[in-house]
Amino acid sequence: MIIMPVKEGENIEKALKKFKRKYERTGVLKELRRRQYFTKPSVAKREAKQHAIYVAHMNRDDE
């Protein structure tokens, strides 16, 4: 649970912006999207390997 203390007379827009920033840092939404469906471990490994290859190619092209 995120607790946001709001000071007396603080602008609600500013407090809402602080809340959104704090909420994004916790990673709740990212975790929720990750848990929406099950990914087999073999598929996850394959995707990670493909991503590593892609990043390696991008880094090699930049040099």
PDB file of N, CA and C in Angstrom:
ATOM      1  N   MET A   1       0.841  -1.171   0.000  1.00  0.00           N
ATOM      2  CA  MET A   1       0.000   0.000   0.000  1.00  0.00           C
ATOM      3  C   MET A   1       0.891   1.241   0.000  1.00  0.00           C
ATOM      4  N   ILE A   2       0.566   2.169  -0.856  1.00  0.00           N
ATOM      5  CA  ILE A   2       1.333   3.408  -0.965  1.00  0.00           C
ATOM      6  C   ILE A   2       0.666   4.472  -0.102  1.00  0.00           C
ATOM      7  N   ILE A   3       1.448   5.067   0.757  1.00  0.00           N
ATOM      8  CA  ILE A   3       0.937   6.131   1.613  1.00  0.00           C
ATOM      9  C   ILE A   3       1.591   7.439   1.182  1.00  0.00           C
ATOM     10  N   MET A   4       0.765   8.415   0.853  1.00  0.00           N
ATOM     11  CA  MET A   4       1.247   9.719   0.416  1.00  0.00           C
ATOM     12  C   MET A   4       0.761  10.782   1.398  1.00  0.00           C
ATOM     13  N   PRO A   5       1.626  11.253   2.267  1.00  0.00           N
ATOM     14  CA  PRO A   5       1.206  12.336   3.159  1.00  0.00           C
ATOM     15  C   PRO A   5       1.059  13.633   2.362  1.00  0.00           C
ATOM     16  N   VAL A   6      -0.084  14.271   2.498  1.00  0.00           N
ATOM     17  CA  VAL A   6      -0.345  15.525   1.794  1.00  0.00           C
ATOM     18  C   VAL A   6      -0.293  16.653   2.818  1.00  0.00           C
ATOM     19  N   LYS A   7       0.529  17.640   2.544  1.00  0.00           N
ATOM     20  CA  LYS A   7       0.693  18.765   3.460  1.00  0.00           C
ATOM     21  C   LYS A   7      -0.522  19.688   3.389  1.00  0.00           C
ATOM     22  N   GLU A   8      -0.725  20.418   4.434  1.00  0.00           N
ATOM     23  CA  GLU A   8      -1.828  21.369   4.496  1.00  0.00           C
ATOM     24  C   GLU A   8      -1.664  22.433   3.423  1.00  0.00           C
ATOM     25  N   GLY A   9      -2.647  22.611   2.579  1.00  0.00           N
ATOM     26  CA  GLY A   9      -2.616  23.621   1.543  1.00  0.00           C
ATOM     27  C   GLY A   9      -1.813  23.232   0.306  1.00  0.00           C
ATOM     28  N   GLU A  10      -1.360  21.960   0.224  1.00  0.00           N
ATOM     29  CA  GLU A  10      -0.592  21.525  -0.944  1.00  0.00           C
ATOM     30  C   GLU A  10      -1.526  21.339  -2.140  1.00  0.00           C
ATOM     31  N   ASN A  11      -1.058  21.729  -3.285  1.00  0.00           N
ATOM     32  CA  ASN A  11      -1.832  21.612  -4.515  1.00  0.00           C
ATOM     33  C   ASN A  11      -2.121  20.139  -4.801  1.00  0.00           C
ATOM     34  N   ILE A  12      -3.363  19.819  -5.139  1.00  0.00           N
ATOM     35  CA  ILE A  12      -3.751  18.426  -5.391  1.00  0.00           C
ATOM     36  C   ILE A  12      -3.061  17.875  -6.632  1.00  0.00           C
ATOM     37  N   GLU A  13      -2.810  18.725  -7.611  1.00  0.00           N
ATOM     38  CA  GLU A  13      -2.116  18.289  -8.828  1.00  0.00           C
ATOM     39  C   GLU A  13      -0.693  17.838  -8.503  1.00  0.00           C
ATOM     40  N   LYS A  14      -0.027  18.583  -7.652  1.00  0.00           N
ATOM     41  CA  LYS A  14       1.335  18.245  -7.262  1.00  0.00           C
ATOM     42  C   LYS A  14       1.357  16.938  -6.465  1.00  0.00           C
ATOM     43  N   ALA A  15       0.398  16.764  -5.569  1.00  0.00           N
ATOM     44  CA  ALA A  15       0.313  15.538  -4.772  1.00  0.00           C
ATOM     45  C   ALA A  15       0.023  14.337  -5.668  1.00  0.00           C
ATOM     46  N   LEU A  16      -0.841  14.505  -6.654  1.00  0.00           N
ATOM     47  CA  LEU A  16      -1.170  13.426  -7.575  1.00  0.00           C
ATOM     48  C   LEU A  16       0.041  13.044  -8.419  1.00  0.00           C
ATOM     49  N   LYS A  17       0.813  14.032  -8.829  1.00  0.00           N
ATOM     50  CA  LYS A  17       2.026  13.772  -9.607  1.00  0.00           C
ATOM     51  C   LYS A  17       3.037  12.988  -8.776  1.00  0.00           C
ATOM     52  N   LYS A  18       3.192  13.349  -7.496  1.00  0.00           N
ATOM     53  CA  LYS A  18       4.093  12.625  -6.605  1.00  0.00           C
ATOM     54  C   LYS A  18       3.624  11.183  -6.423  1.00  0.00           C
ATOM     55  N   PHE A  19       2.302  10.994  -6.297  1.00  0.00           N
ATOM     56  CA  PHE A  19       1.749   9.651  -6.131  1.00  0.00           C
ATOM     57  C   PHE A  19       2.020   8.797  -7.363  1.00  0.00           C
ATOM     58  N   LYS A  20       1.793   9.351  -8.539  1.00  0.00           N
ATOM     59  CA  LYS A  20       2.019   8.604  -9.779  1.00  0.00           C
ATOM     60  C   LYS A  20       3.470   8.183  -9.910  1.00  0.00           C
ATOM     61  N   ARG A  21       4.399   9.084  -9.583  1.00  0.00           N
ATOM     62  CA  ARG A  21       5.819   8.785  -9.655  1.00  0.00           C
ATOM     63  C   ARG A  21       6.187   7.656  -8.688  1.00  0.00           C
ATOM     64  N   LYS A  22       5.664   7.726  -7.478  1.00  0.00           N
ATOM     65  CA  LYS A  22       5.945   6.710  -6.474  1.00  0.00           C
ATOM     66  C   LYS A  22       5.336   5.369  -6.891  1.00  0.00           C
ATOM     67  N   TYR A  23       4.151   5.401  -7.476  1.00  0.00           N
ATOM     68  CA  TYR A  23       3.470   4.190  -7.927  1.00  0.00           C
ATOM     69  C   TYR A  23       4.262   3.510  -9.043  1.00  0.00           C
ATOM     70  N   GLU A  24       4.791   4.268  -9.988  1.00  0.00           N
ATOM     71  CA  GLU A  24       5.576   3.709 -11.080  1.00  0.00           C
ATOM     72  C   GLU A  24       6.856   3.065 -10.572  1.00  0.00           C
ATOM     73  N   ARG A  25       7.479   3.659  -9.566  1.00  0.00           N
ATOM     74  CA  ARG A  25       8.732   3.126  -9.022  1.00  0.00           C
ATOM     75  C   ARG A  25       8.528   1.784  -8.333  1.00  0.00           C
ATOM     76  N   THR A  26       7.337   1.536  -7.792  1.00  0.00           N
ATOM     77  CA  THR A  26       7.099   0.272  -7.095  1.00  0.00           C
ATOM     78  C   THR A  26       7.017  -0.891  -8.068  1.00  0.00           C
ATOM     79  N   GLY A  27       6.664  -0.634  -9.328  1.00  0.00           N
ATOM     80  CA  GLY A  27       6.608  -1.687 -10.333  1.00  0.00           C
ATOM     81  C   GLY A  27       5.361  -2.540 -10.264  1.00  0.00           C
ATOM     82  N   VAL A  28       4.313  -2.063  -9.616  1.00  0.00           N
ATOM     83  CA  VAL A  28       3.084  -2.828  -9.459  1.00  0.00           C
ATOM     84  C   VAL A  28       2.444  -3.112 -10.811  1.00  0.00           C
ATOM     85  N   LEU A  29       2.336  -2.112 -11.645  1.00  0.00           N
ATOM     86  CA  LEU A  29       1.688  -2.284 -12.936  1.00  0.00           C
ATOM     87  C   LEU A  29       2.479  -3.220 -13.836  1.00  0.00           C
ATOM     88  N   LYS A  30       3.796  -3.107 -13.810  1.00  0.00           N
ATOM     89  CA  LYS A  30       4.653  -3.984 -14.606  1.00  0.00           C
ATOM     90  C   LYS A  30       4.480  -5.435 -14.171  1.00  0.00           C
ATOM     91  N   GLU A  31       4.439  -5.661 -12.857  1.00  0.00           N
ATOM     92  CA  GLU A  31       4.255  -7.010 -12.323  1.00  0.00           C
ATOM     93  C   GLU A  31       2.878  -7.555 -12.691  1.00  0.00           C
ATOM     94  N   LEU A  32       1.862  -6.722 -12.644  1.00  0.00           N
ATOM     95  CA  LEU A  32       0.508  -7.137 -12.997  1.00  0.00           C
ATOM     96  C   LEU A  32       0.439  -7.586 -14.450  1.00  0.00           C
ATOM     97  N   ARG A  33       1.048  -6.818 -15.338  1.00  0.00           N
ATOM     98  CA  ARG A  33       1.045  -7.193 -16.754  1.00  0.00           C
ATOM     99  C   ARG A  33       1.824  -8.480 -16.990  1.00  0.00           C
ATOM    100  N   ARG A  34       2.908  -8.678 -16.238  1.00  0.00           N
ATOM    101  CA  ARG A  34       3.701  -9.895 -16.382  1.00  0.00           C
ATOM    102  C   ARG A  34       2.921 -11.119 -15.935  1.00  0.00           C
ATOM    103  N   ARG A  35       2.082 -10.980 -14.922  1.00  0.00           N
ATOM    104  CA  ARG A  35       1.334 -12.111 -14.367  1.00  0.00           C
ATOM    105  C   ARG A  35       0.028 -12.399 -15.099  1.00  0.00           C
ATOM    106  N   GLN A  36      -0.331 -11.630 -16.094  1.00  0.00           N
ATOM    107  CA  GLN A  36      -1.600 -11.843 -16.787  1.00  0.00           C
ATOM    108  C   GLN A  36      -1.629 -13.171 -17.525  1.00  0.00           C
ATOM    109  N   TYR A  37      -0.487 -13.650 -17.948  1.00  0.00           N
ATOM    110  CA  TYR A  37      -0.441 -14.932 -18.648  1.00  0.00           C
ATOM    111  C   TYR A  37       0.818 -15.672 -18.242  1.00  0.00           C
ATOM    112  N   PHE A  38       0.766 -16.989 -18.373  1.00  0.00           N
ATOM    113  CA  PHE A  38       1.892 -17.830 -17.988  1.00  0.00           C
ATOM    114  C   PHE A  38       2.799 -18.039 -19.184  1.00  0.00           C
ATOM    115  N   THR A  39       4.089 -17.876 -18.968  1.00  0.00           N
ATOM    116  CA  THR A  39       5.080 -18.121 -20.007  1.00  0.00           C
ATOM    117  C   THR A  39       5.919 -19.312 -19.561  1.00  0.00           C
ATOM    118  N   LYS A  40       6.001 -20.311 -20.413  1.00  0.00           N
ATOM    119  CA  LYS A  40       6.801 -21.482 -20.083  1.00  0.00           C
ATOM    120  C   LYS A  40       8.260 -21.064 -19.924  1.00  0.00           C
ATOM    121  N   PRO A  41       8.991 -21.721 -19.018  1.00  0.00           N
ATOM    122  CA  PRO A  41      10.390 -21.363 -18.816  1.00  0.00           C
ATOM    123  C   PRO A  41      11.227 -21.487 -20.087  1.00  0.00           C
ATOM    124  N   SER A  42      10.933 -22.489 -20.922  1.00  0.00           N
ATOM    125  CA  SER A  42      11.706 -22.651 -22.156  1.00  0.00           C
ATOM    126  C   SER A  42      11.473 -21.476 -23.103  1.00  0.00           C
ATOM    127  N   VAL A  43      10.245 -20.981 -23.147  1.00  0.00           N
ATOM    128  CA  VAL A  43       9.923 -19.841 -24.000  1.00  0.00           C
ATOM    129  C   VAL A  43      10.592 -18.581 -23.458  1.00  0.00           C
ATOM    130  N   ALA A  44      10.584 -18.417 -22.136  1.00  0.00           N
ATOM    131  CA  ALA A  44      11.224 -17.251 -21.530  1.00  0.00           C
ATOM    132  C   ALA A  44      12.728 -17.248 -21.813  1.00  0.00           C
ATOM    133  N   LYS A  45      13.371 -18.420 -21.724  1.00  0.00           N
ATOM    134  CA  LYS A  45      14.801 -18.511 -22.022  1.00  0.00           C
ATOM    135  C   LYS A  45      15.071 -18.162 -23.476  1.00  0.00           C
ATOM    136  N   ARG A  46      14.223 -18.669 -24.374  1.00  0.00           N
ATOM    137  CA  ARG A  46      14.403 -18.404 -25.802  1.00  0.00           C
ATOM    138  C   ARG A  46      14.273 -16.910 -26.093  1.00  0.00           C
ATOM    139  N   GLU A  47      13.271 -16.270 -25.486  1.00  0.00           N
ATOM    140  CA  GLU A  47      13.078 -14.833 -25.695  1.00  0.00           C
ATOM    141  C   GLU A  47      14.256 -14.032 -25.134  1.00  0.00           C
ATOM    142  N   ALA A  48      14.760 -14.443 -23.973  1.00  0.00           N
ATOM    143  CA  ALA A  48      15.906 -13.744 -23.383  1.00  0.00           C
ATOM    144  C   ALA A  48      17.138 -13.894 -24.269  1.00  0.00           C
ATOM    145  N   LYS A  49      17.325 -15.082 -24.835  1.00  0.00           N
ATOM    146  CA  LYS A  49      18.472 -15.319 -25.713  1.00  0.00           C
ATOM    147  C   LYS A  49      18.357 -14.475 -26.984  1.00  0.00           C
ATOM    148  N   GLN A  50      17.153 -14.423 -27.564  1.00  0.00           N
ATOM    149  CA  GLN A  50      16.941 -13.623 -28.770  1.00  0.00           C
ATOM    150  C   GLN A  50      17.172 -12.144 -28.474  1.00  0.00           C
ATOM    151  N   HIS A  51      16.740 -11.687 -27.305  1.00  0.00           N
ATOM    152  CA  HIS A  51      16.941 -10.287 -26.940  1.00  0.00           C
ATOM    153  C   HIS A  51      18.430  -9.985 -26.778  1.00  0.00           C
ATOM    154  N   ALA A  52      19.171 -10.911 -26.170  1.00  0.00           N
ATOM    155  CA  ALA A  52      20.610 -10.720 -25.985  1.00  0.00           C
ATOM    156  C   ALA A  52      21.319 -10.643 -27.334  1.00  0.00           C
ATOM    157  N   ILE A  53      20.899 -11.483 -28.271  1.00  0.00           N
ATOM    158  CA  ILE A  53      21.490 -11.461 -29.611  1.00  0.00           C
ATOM    159  C   ILE A  53      21.197 -10.128 -30.291  1.00  0.00           C
ATOM    160  N   TYR A  54      19.969  -9.658 -30.170  1.00  0.00           N
ATOM    161  CA  TYR A  54      19.555  -8.391 -30.764  1.00  0.00           C
ATOM    162  C   TYR A  54      20.389  -7.234 -30.200  1.00  0.00           C
ATOM    163  N   VAL A  55      20.544  -7.211 -28.882  1.00  0.00           N
ATOM    164  CA  VAL A  55      21.307  -6.142 -28.237  1.00  0.00           C
ATOM    165  C   VAL A  55      22.766  -6.188 -28.677  1.00  0.00           C
ATOM    166  N   ALA A  56      23.307  -7.398 -28.793  1.00  0.00           N
ATOM    167  CA  ALA A  56      24.692  -7.542 -29.225  1.00  0.00           C
ATOM    168  C   ALA A  56      24.872  -7.000 -30.643  1.00  0.00           C
ATOM    169  N   HIS A  57      23.914  -7.290 -31.520  1.00  0.00           N
ATOM    170  CA  HIS A  57      23.984  -6.779 -32.895  1.00  0.00           C
ATOM    171  C   HIS A  57      23.875  -5.254 -32.917  1.00  0.00           C
ATOM    172  N   MET A  58      23.013  -4.710 -32.081  1.00  0.00           N
ATOM    173  CA  MET A  58      22.845  -3.254 -32.031  1.00  0.00           C
ATOM    174  C   MET A  58      24.129  -2.590 -31.542  1.00  0.00           C
ATOM    175  N   ASN A  59      24.753  -3.172 -30.520  1.00  0.00           N
ATOM    176  CA  ASN A  59      25.993  -2.607 -29.985  1.00  0.00           C
ATOM    177  C   ASN A  59      27.126  -2.712 -30.989  1.00  0.00           C
ATOM    178  N   ARG A  60      27.163  -3.810 -31.724  1.00  0.00           N
ATOM    179  CA  ARG A  60      28.220  -4.003 -32.717  1.00  0.00           C
ATOM    180  C   ARG A  60      28.048  -3.014 -33.869  1.00  0.00           C
ATOM    181  N   ASP A  61      26.813  -2.741 -34.260  1.00  0.00           N
ATOM    182  CA  ASP A  61      26.556  -1.805 -35.354  1.00  0.00           C
ATOM    183  C   ASP A  61      26.915  -0.375 -34.979  1.00  0.00           C
ATOM    184  N   ASP A  62      26.753  -0.036 -33.698  1.00  0.00           N
ATOM    185  CA  ASP A  62      27.059   1.319 -33.234  1.00  0.00           C
ATOM    186  C   ASP A  62      28.560   1.604 -33.263  1.00  0.00           C
ATOM    187  N   GLU A  63      29.368   0.583 -33.111  1.00  0.00           N
ATOM    188  CA  GLU A  63      30.810   0.781 -33.035  1.00  0.00           C
ATOM    189  C   GLU A  63      31.436   0.927 -34.372  1.00  0.00           C
TER     190      GLU A  63
END
